[in-house]
Amino acid sequence: MFKSLKKNYLLLISFFLIIYFFFNFLSGERGLISYFEKKKILNNLKIKELSLKTQINDLDFKNSLLSDNLDLDYIETLIRERFLYGKKNEQIFIIEK
């Protein structure tokens, strides 16, 4: 039995190495399955980053309207939305979604 193992020693070692590398290729921290999971996480983070950038730009624009040079039209819009303020003989309709 040992003689046959000695003859096939290289074959056995190469077989186990191939199996080892195959399983590490599929699984593990740097495996193929992990790659696809990380790729999905990256896409989700890019979408979230784009959403946050648009929110930041919107808030920067609103902040610029409330800086030293006040935009009175924007302030009037804010007062109307927040406090339901209207002018005399003006009807205000609230539409709920």
N, C-alpha and C. Protein backbone atom coordinates (compact mmCIF):
# COMPACT_ATOMS: atom_id res chain seq x y z
N MET A 1 0.82 -1.19 0.00
CA MET A 1 0.00 0.00 0.00
C MET A 1 0.87 1.26 0.00
N PHE A 2 1.95 1.24 0.77
CA PHE A 2 2.83 2.40 0.81
C PHE A 2 3.54 2.61 -0.51
N LYS A 3 3.78 1.53 -1.22
CA LYS A 3 4.43 1.66 -2.53
C LYS A 3 3.52 2.38 -3.51
N SER A 4 2.24 2.07 -3.45
CA SER A 4 1.30 2.74 -4.37
C SER A 4 1.14 4.21 -3.98
N LEU A 5 1.19 4.52 -2.66
CA LEU A 5 1.13 5.91 -2.23
C LEU A 5 2.37 6.68 -2.67
N LYS A 6 3.53 6.02 -2.60
CA LYS A 6 4.76 6.68 -3.04
C LYS A 6 4.73 6.96 -4.53
N LYS A 7 4.13 6.08 -5.29
CA LYS A 7 4.05 6.29 -6.73
C LYS A 7 3.08 7.43 -7.07
N ASN A 8 2.00 7.48 -6.33
CA ASN A 8 0.97 8.48 -6.62
C ASN A 8 1.07 9.70 -5.68
N TYR A 9 2.19 9.88 -5.05
CA TYR A 9 2.39 10.97 -4.09
C TYR A 9 2.16 12.33 -4.76
N LEU A 10 2.77 12.53 -5.89
CA LEU A 10 2.62 13.80 -6.61
C LEU A 10 1.17 14.00 -7.06
N LEU A 11 0.54 12.94 -7.48
CA LEU A 11 -0.85 13.02 -7.92
C LEU A 11 -1.77 13.38 -6.75
N LEU A 12 -1.55 12.80 -5.59
CA LEU A 12 -2.37 13.10 -4.42
C LEU A 12 -2.17 14.54 -3.95
N ILE A 13 -0.93 14.96 -3.91
CA ILE A 13 -0.66 16.34 -3.47
C ILE A 13 -1.28 17.34 -4.44
N SER A 14 -1.13 17.10 -5.72
CA SER A 14 -1.72 18.02 -6.69
C SER A 14 -3.26 18.00 -6.61
N PHE A 15 -3.85 16.84 -6.36
CA PHE A 15 -5.31 16.74 -6.22
C PHE A 15 -5.79 17.57 -5.02
N PHE A 16 -5.14 17.44 -3.87
CA PHE A 16 -5.55 18.19 -2.70
C PHE A 16 -5.28 19.70 -2.86
N LEU A 17 -4.22 20.06 -3.54
CA LEU A 17 -3.97 21.47 -3.80
C LEU A 17 -5.03 22.08 -4.72
N ILE A 18 -5.43 21.31 -5.72
CA ILE A 18 -6.48 21.80 -6.63
C ILE A 18 -7.78 21.98 -5.87
N ILE A 19 -8.14 21.03 -5.03
CA ILE A 19 -9.37 21.15 -4.23
C ILE A 19 -9.26 22.34 -3.29
N TYR A 20 -8.13 22.54 -2.65
CA TYR A 20 -7.92 23.65 -1.74
C TYR A 20 -8.09 24.99 -2.46
N PHE A 21 -7.44 25.14 -3.61
CA PHE A 21 -7.55 26.40 -4.34
C PHE A 21 -8.96 26.62 -4.90
N PHE A 22 -9.63 25.55 -5.28
CA PHE A 22 -10.99 25.67 -5.79
C PHE A 22 -11.94 26.18 -4.71
N PHE A 23 -11.86 25.62 -3.50
CA PHE A 23 -12.72 26.07 -2.42
C PHE A 23 -12.38 27.49 -1.98
N ASN A 24 -11.12 27.83 -2.00
CA ASN A 24 -10.74 29.21 -1.65
C ASN A 24 -11.16 30.19 -2.74
N PHE A 25 -11.21 29.74 -3.97
CA PHE A 25 -11.67 30.59 -5.07
C PHE A 25 -13.15 30.91 -4.91
N LEU A 26 -13.94 29.93 -4.50
CA LEU A 26 -15.38 30.15 -4.36
C LEU A 26 -15.76 30.83 -3.05
N SER A 27 -15.16 30.39 -1.96
CA SER A 27 -15.54 30.93 -0.66
C SER A 27 -14.36 31.69 -0.07
N GLY A 28 -14.53 32.13 1.15
CA GLY A 28 -13.46 32.88 1.80
C GLY A 28 -13.69 34.37 1.66
N GLU A 29 -12.82 35.12 2.27
CA GLU A 29 -12.97 36.58 2.28
C GLU A 29 -12.73 37.19 0.91
N ARG A 30 -11.90 36.58 0.11
CA ARG A 30 -11.61 37.11 -1.21
C ARG A 30 -12.16 36.21 -2.31
N GLY A 31 -13.14 35.40 -1.98
CA GLY A 31 -13.70 34.45 -2.93
C GLY A 31 -14.68 35.08 -3.89
N LEU A 32 -15.18 34.27 -4.80
CA LEU A 32 -16.09 34.73 -5.83
C LEU A 32 -17.44 35.13 -5.25
N ILE A 33 -17.95 34.38 -4.30
CA ILE A 33 -19.22 34.70 -3.67
C ILE A 33 -19.10 36.01 -2.89
N SER A 34 -18.02 36.16 -2.18
CA SER A 34 -17.78 37.40 -1.43
C SER A 34 -17.63 38.59 -2.37
N TYR A 35 -17.06 38.36 -3.54
CA TYR A 35 -16.90 39.43 -4.53
C TYR A 35 -18.26 39.97 -4.96
N PHE A 36 -19.20 39.08 -5.26
CA PHE A 36 -20.52 39.53 -5.69
C PHE A 36 -21.27 40.24 -4.57
N GLU A 37 -21.11 39.77 -3.34
CA GLU A 37 -21.74 40.45 -2.20
C GLU A 37 -21.16 41.86 -2.02
N LYS A 38 -19.86 41.98 -2.12
CA LYS A 38 -19.22 43.29 -1.97
C LYS A 38 -19.58 44.22 -3.13
N LYS A 39 -19.78 43.65 -4.32
CA LYS A 39 -20.17 44.45 -5.46
C LYS A 39 -21.58 45.01 -5.26
N LYS A 40 -22.49 44.21 -4.69
CA LYS A 40 -23.84 44.68 -4.42
C LYS A 40 -23.82 45.77 -3.34
N ILE A 41 -23.01 45.58 -2.31
CA ILE A 41 -22.88 46.59 -1.26
C ILE A 41 -22.33 47.89 -1.84
N LEU A 42 -21.36 47.80 -2.74
CA LEU A 42 -20.78 48.98 -3.36
C LEU A 42 -21.83 49.74 -4.18
N ASN A 43 -22.66 49.02 -4.92
CA ASN A 43 -23.71 49.68 -5.71
C ASN A 43 -24.71 50.38 -4.80
N ASN A 44 -25.08 49.73 -3.70
CA ASN A 44 -26.00 50.36 -2.75
C ASN A 44 -25.39 51.62 -2.14
N LEU A 45 -24.11 51.56 -1.81
CA LEU A 45 -23.44 52.73 -1.24
C LEU A 45 -23.31 53.87 -2.25
N LYS A 46 -23.11 53.54 -3.53
CA LYS A 46 -23.05 54.59 -4.55
C LYS A 46 -24.40 55.27 -4.69
N ILE A 47 -25.48 54.50 -4.64
CA ILE A 47 -26.82 55.08 -4.73
C ILE A 47 -27.08 55.97 -3.52
N LYS A 48 -26.69 55.50 -2.34
CA LYS A 48 -26.88 56.29 -1.13
C LYS A 48 -26.04 57.57 -1.18
N GLU A 49 -24.81 57.47 -1.70
CA GLU A 49 -23.95 58.64 -1.82
C GLU A 49 -24.56 59.68 -2.75
N LEU A 50 -25.13 59.24 -3.86
CA LEU A 50 -25.76 60.15 -4.79
C LEU A 50 -26.96 60.84 -4.14
N SER A 51 -27.74 60.09 -3.39
CA SER A 51 -28.89 60.66 -2.69
C SER A 51 -28.44 61.70 -1.67
N LEU A 52 -27.40 61.38 -0.91
CA LEU A 52 -26.90 62.32 0.09
C LEU A 52 -26.31 63.58 -0.55
N LYS A 53 -25.66 63.42 -1.70
CA LYS A 53 -25.10 64.59 -2.37
C LYS A 53 -26.20 65.52 -2.86
N THR A 54 -27.30 64.95 -3.36
CA THR A 54 -28.41 65.81 -3.79
C THR A 54 -29.04 66.51 -2.61
N GLN A 55 -29.14 65.83 -1.47
CA GLN A 55 -29.68 66.47 -0.27
C GLN A 55 -28.78 67.59 0.20
N ILE A 56 -27.47 67.37 0.15
CA ILE A 56 -26.51 68.40 0.56
C ILE A 56 -26.61 69.61 -0.35
N ASN A 57 -26.70 69.37 -1.66
CA ASN A 57 -26.83 70.49 -2.59
C ASN A 57 -28.11 71.26 -2.36
N ASP A 58 -29.20 70.55 -2.09
CA ASP A 58 -30.47 71.21 -1.81
C ASP A 58 -30.38 72.05 -0.54
N LEU A 59 -29.78 71.50 0.51
CA LEU A 59 -29.63 72.25 1.75
C LEU A 59 -28.68 73.43 1.60
N ASP A 60 -27.63 73.27 0.80
CA ASP A 60 -26.73 74.40 0.54
C ASP A 60 -27.47 75.53 -0.17
N PHE A 61 -28.32 75.16 -1.12
CA PHE A 61 -29.08 76.18 -1.84
C PHE A 61 -30.04 76.90 -0.90
N LYS A 62 -30.73 76.13 -0.06
CA LYS A 62 -31.65 76.75 0.89
C LYS A 62 -30.90 77.61 1.90
N ASN A 63 -29.73 77.17 2.31
CA ASN A 63 -28.91 77.93 3.24
C ASN A 63 -28.44 79.23 2.60
N SER A 64 -28.11 79.19 1.32
CA SER A 64 -27.67 80.41 0.65
C SER A 64 -28.81 81.42 0.53
N LEU A 65 -30.05 80.93 0.45
CA LEU A 65 -31.18 81.84 0.39
C LEU A 65 -31.43 82.53 1.73
N LEU A 66 -30.98 81.91 2.81
CA LEU A 66 -31.18 82.49 4.14
C LEU A 66 -29.92 83.16 4.69
N SER A 67 -28.98 83.49 3.84
CA SER A 67 -27.74 84.10 4.30
C SER A 67 -27.93 85.61 4.47
N ASP A 68 -26.85 86.38 4.35
CA ASP A 68 -26.88 87.82 4.58
C ASP A 68 -27.88 88.54 3.66
N ASN A 69 -27.88 88.20 2.41
CA ASN A 69 -28.84 88.81 1.47
C ASN A 69 -30.10 87.96 1.48
N LEU A 70 -31.07 88.35 2.26
CA LEU A 70 -32.28 87.56 2.42
C LEU A 70 -33.14 87.62 1.17
N ASP A 71 -33.64 86.48 0.78
CA ASP A 71 -34.58 86.39 -0.32
C ASP A 71 -35.98 86.39 0.27
N LEU A 72 -36.68 87.50 0.14
CA LEU A 72 -37.97 87.67 0.79
C LEU A 72 -39.03 86.72 0.22
N ASP A 73 -38.91 86.40 -1.05
CA ASP A 73 -39.88 85.46 -1.64
C ASP A 73 -39.75 84.08 -1.01
N TYR A 74 -38.52 83.67 -0.78
CA TYR A 74 -38.30 82.35 -0.16
C TYR A 74 -38.80 82.33 1.28
N ILE A 75 -38.57 83.41 2.01
CA ILE A 75 -39.04 83.49 3.40
C ILE A 75 -40.56 83.46 3.44
N GLU A 76 -41.20 84.15 2.49
CA GLU A 76 -42.66 84.13 2.43
C GLU A 76 -43.16 82.72 2.13
N THR A 77 -42.48 82.00 1.27
CA THR A 77 -42.86 80.62 0.96
C THR A 77 -42.73 79.75 2.20
N LEU A 78 -41.66 79.93 2.96
CA LEU A 78 -41.48 79.15 4.19
C LEU A 78 -42.58 79.45 5.20
N ILE A 79 -42.92 80.72 5.37
CA ILE A 79 -43.96 81.09 6.34
C ILE A 79 -45.30 80.50 5.92
N ARG A 80 -45.61 80.55 4.63
CA ARG A 80 -46.87 80.00 4.15
C ARG A 80 -46.95 78.49 4.38
N GLU A 81 -45.85 77.79 4.14
CA GLU A 81 -45.86 76.33 4.31
C GLU A 81 -45.93 75.93 5.78
N ARG A 82 -45.13 76.57 6.60
CA ARG A 82 -45.01 76.14 8.00
C ARG A 82 -46.19 76.59 8.86
N PHE A 83 -46.60 77.82 8.68
CA PHE A 83 -47.61 78.40 9.58
C PHE A 83 -48.98 78.53 8.94
N LEU A 84 -49.12 78.05 7.71
CA LEU A 84 -50.38 78.14 6.97
C LEU A 84 -50.90 79.58 6.95
N TYR A 85 -50.02 80.45 6.66
CA TYR A 85 -50.32 81.89 6.64
C TYR A 85 -50.80 82.27 5.25
N GLY A 86 -51.79 83.11 5.19
CA GLY A 86 -52.30 83.57 3.91
C GLY A 86 -52.63 85.06 3.96
N LYS A 87 -52.83 85.63 2.81
CA LYS A 87 -53.19 87.05 2.73
C LYS A 87 -54.70 87.20 2.89
N LYS A 88 -55.16 88.42 2.99
CA LYS A 88 -56.57 88.69 3.18
C LYS A 88 -57.35 88.24 1.94
N ASN A 89 -58.51 87.62 2.17
CA ASN A 89 -59.37 87.08 1.12
C ASN A 89 -58.67 86.02 0.26
N GLU A 90 -57.75 85.30 0.86
CA GLU A 90 -57.04 84.24 0.15
C GLU A 90 -57.49 82.90 0.73
N GLN A 91 -57.75 81.95 -0.14
CA GLN A 91 -58.16 80.63 0.33
C GLN A 91 -56.96 79.70 0.27
N ILE A 92 -56.79 78.93 1.34
CA ILE A 92 -55.69 77.97 1.43
C ILE A 92 -56.29 76.58 1.42
N PHE A 93 -55.82 75.74 0.50
CA PHE A 93 -56.26 74.36 0.42
C PHE A 93 -55.10 73.46 0.81
N ILE A 94 -55.35 72.53 1.71
CA ILE A 94 -54.33 71.57 2.12
C ILE A 94 -54.66 70.25 1.47
N ILE A 95 -53.77 69.76 0.65
CA ILE A 95 -53.96 68.49 -0.05
C ILE A 95 -53.12 67.44 0.64
N GLU A 96 -53.78 66.44 1.17
CA GLU A 96 -53.06 65.34 1.83
C GLU A 96 -52.92 64.19 0.85
N LYS A 97 -51.78 63.59 0.86
CA LYS A 97 -51.50 62.49 -0.07
C LYS A 97 -52.11 61.20 0.42
